[in-house]
Amino acid sequence: MRKIVISTINFYQKFLSLDTGVLSLKKGTTCVFYPTCSEYTKQAVSKYGATKGLFMGFRRILRCHPWQKNHIDPLH
């Protein structure tokens, strides 16, 4: 399950992401967090497994909003 989730995230990052994918409009990231939410989720899935990793990624996405200041939020 972990490999399937990570493969799906890799596909999203390469083709669909507005930050890093072919749909990106400008160079660099537009994400307010570092690492991006998709990278954070991928790291969490690698470290904690699919269920907990996806839950952690979902919580991270819920904290993202236009008024969020840029900041570093690494996986612990």
C-alpha atoms as a PDB file:
ATOM      1  CA  MET A   1       0.000   0.000   0.000  1.00  0.00           C
ATOM      2  CA  ARG A   2       2.854   2.356   0.878  1.00  0.00           C
ATOM      3  CA  LYS A   3       4.385   1.982  -2.607  1.00  0.00           C
ATOM      4  CA  ILE A   4       1.058   2.684  -4.315  1.00  0.00           C
ATOM      5  CA  VAL A   5       0.531   5.877  -2.306  1.00  0.00           C
ATOM      6  CA  ILE A   6       4.083   7.095  -2.948  1.00  0.00           C
ATOM      7  CA  SER A   7       3.752   6.311  -6.676  1.00  0.00           C
ATOM      8  CA  THR A   8       0.514   8.298  -6.788  1.00  0.00           C
ATOM      9  CA  ILE A   9       2.167  11.259  -5.039  1.00  0.00           C
ATOM     10  CA  ASN A  10       5.121  11.068  -7.453  1.00  0.00           C
ATOM     11  CA  PHE A  11       2.701  11.154 -10.403  1.00  0.00           C
ATOM     12  CA  TYR A  12       0.913  14.143  -8.890  1.00  0.00           C
ATOM     13  CA  GLN A  13       4.194  15.986  -8.286  1.00  0.00           C
ATOM     14  CA  LYS A  14       5.466  15.350 -11.806  1.00  0.00           C
ATOM     15  CA  PHE A  15       2.314  15.999 -13.826  1.00  0.00           C
ATOM     16  CA  LEU A  16      -0.427  17.748 -11.834  1.00  0.00           C
ATOM     17  CA  SER A  17       1.223  19.921  -9.191  1.00  0.00           C
ATOM     18  CA  LEU A  18       1.008  23.680  -9.665  1.00  0.00           C
ATOM     19  CA  ASP A  19       4.407  23.950  -7.937  1.00  0.00           C
ATOM     20  CA  THR A  20       6.530  21.324  -9.663  1.00  0.00           C
ATOM     21  CA  GLY A  21       4.454  19.647 -12.354  1.00  0.00           C
ATOM     22  CA  VAL A  22       3.908  20.370 -16.008  1.00  0.00           C
ATOM     23  CA  LEU A  23       0.975  22.597 -15.013  1.00  0.00           C
ATOM     24  CA  SER A  24       3.224  24.995 -13.083  1.00  0.00           C
ATOM     25  CA  LEU A  25       2.956  28.545 -14.346  1.00  0.00           C
ATOM     26  CA  LYS A  26       6.251  29.843 -13.012  1.00  0.00           C
ATOM     27  CA  LYS A  27       9.585  28.595 -11.784  1.00  0.00           C
ATOM     28  CA  GLY A  28       9.903  27.999  -8.086  1.00  0.00           C
ATOM     29  CA  THR A  29       7.314  27.088  -5.546  1.00  0.00           C
ATOM     30  CA  THR A  30       4.042  28.779  -4.727  1.00  0.00           C
ATOM     31  CA  CYS A  31       3.493  26.656  -1.625  1.00  0.00           C
ATOM     32  CA  VAL A  32       3.580  28.474   1.713  1.00  0.00           C
ATOM     33  CA  PHE A  33       5.218  25.512   3.446  1.00  0.00           C
ATOM     34  CA  TYR A  34       8.620  23.937   3.025  1.00  0.00           C
ATOM     35  CA  PRO A  35       8.627  21.108   2.162  1.00  0.00           C
ATOM     36  CA  THR A  36       5.514  21.250   0.001  1.00  0.00           C
ATOM     37  CA  CYS A  37       2.438  19.423   1.254  1.00  0.00           C
ATOM     38  CA  SER A  38       2.876  16.620  -1.273  1.00  0.00           C
ATOM     39  CA  GLU A  39       6.530  16.123  -0.322  1.00  0.00           C
ATOM     40  CA  TYR A  40       5.619  16.227   3.368  1.00  0.00           C
ATOM     41  CA  THR A  41       2.928  13.590   2.798  1.00  0.00           C
ATOM     42  CA  LYS A  42       5.330  11.413   0.811  1.00  0.00           C
ATOM     43  CA  GLN A  43       7.882  11.598   3.626  1.00  0.00           C
ATOM     44  CA  ALA A  44       5.212  10.812   6.220  1.00  0.00           C
ATOM     45  CA  VAL A  45       3.968   7.792   4.256  1.00  0.00           C
ATOM     46  CA  SER A  46       7.548   6.535   3.887  1.00  0.00           C
ATOM     47  CA  LYS A  47       8.228   6.921   7.599  1.00  0.00           C
ATOM     48  CA  TYR A  48       4.892   6.026   9.223  1.00  0.00           C
ATOM     49  CA  GLY A  49       2.988   3.985   6.630  1.00  0.00           C
ATOM     50  CA  ALA A  50       0.054   4.773   4.379  1.00  0.00           C
ATOM     51  CA  THR A  51      -2.692   5.347   6.945  1.00  0.00           C
ATOM     52  CA  LYS A  52      -0.859   7.587   9.400  1.00  0.00           C
ATOM     53  CA  GLY A  53       1.124   9.302   6.626  1.00  0.00           C
ATOM     54  CA  LEU A  54      -1.992  10.227   4.663  1.00  0.00           C
ATOM     55  CA  PHE A  55      -3.665  11.460   7.848  1.00  0.00           C
ATOM     56  CA  MET A  56      -0.644  13.658   8.624  1.00  0.00           C
ATOM     57  CA  GLY A  57      -0.648  15.011   5.060  1.00  0.00           C
ATOM     58  CA  PHE A  58      -4.373  15.747   5.247  1.00  0.00           C
ATOM     59  CA  ARG A  59      -3.863  17.691   8.502  1.00  0.00           C
ATOM     60  CA  ARG A  60      -1.060  19.651   6.855  1.00  0.00           C
ATOM     61  CA  ILE A  61      -3.278  20.559   3.878  1.00  0.00           C
ATOM     62  CA  LEU A  62      -5.996  21.779   6.264  1.00  0.00           C
ATOM     63  CA  ARG A  63      -3.506  24.248   7.775  1.00  0.00           C
ATOM     64  CA  CYS A  64      -2.734  25.720   4.348  1.00  0.00           C
ATOM     65  CA  HIS A  65      -4.544  28.930   3.437  1.00  0.00           C
ATOM     66  CA  PRO A  66      -3.741  32.148   1.534  1.00  0.00           C
ATOM     67  CA  TRP A  67      -3.010  34.106   4.711  1.00  0.00           C
ATOM     68  CA  GLN A  68      -0.466  31.576   5.979  1.00  0.00           C
ATOM     69  CA  LYS A  69       3.028  33.041   6.190  1.00  0.00           C
ATOM     70  CA  ASN A  70       5.816  31.094   4.537  1.00  0.00           C
ATOM     71  CA  HIS A  71       7.579  28.874   6.985  1.00  0.00           C
ATOM     72  CA  ILE A  72       9.563  25.710   7.355  1.00  0.00           C
ATOM     73  CA  ASP A  73       7.577  22.775   8.718  1.00  0.00           C
ATOM     74  CA  PRO A  74       9.641  19.582   8.414  1.00  0.00           C
ATOM     75  CA  LEU A  75       8.426  16.109   9.259  1.00  0.00           C
ATOM     76  CA  HIS A  76       9.540  15.088  12.731  1.00  0.00           C
END
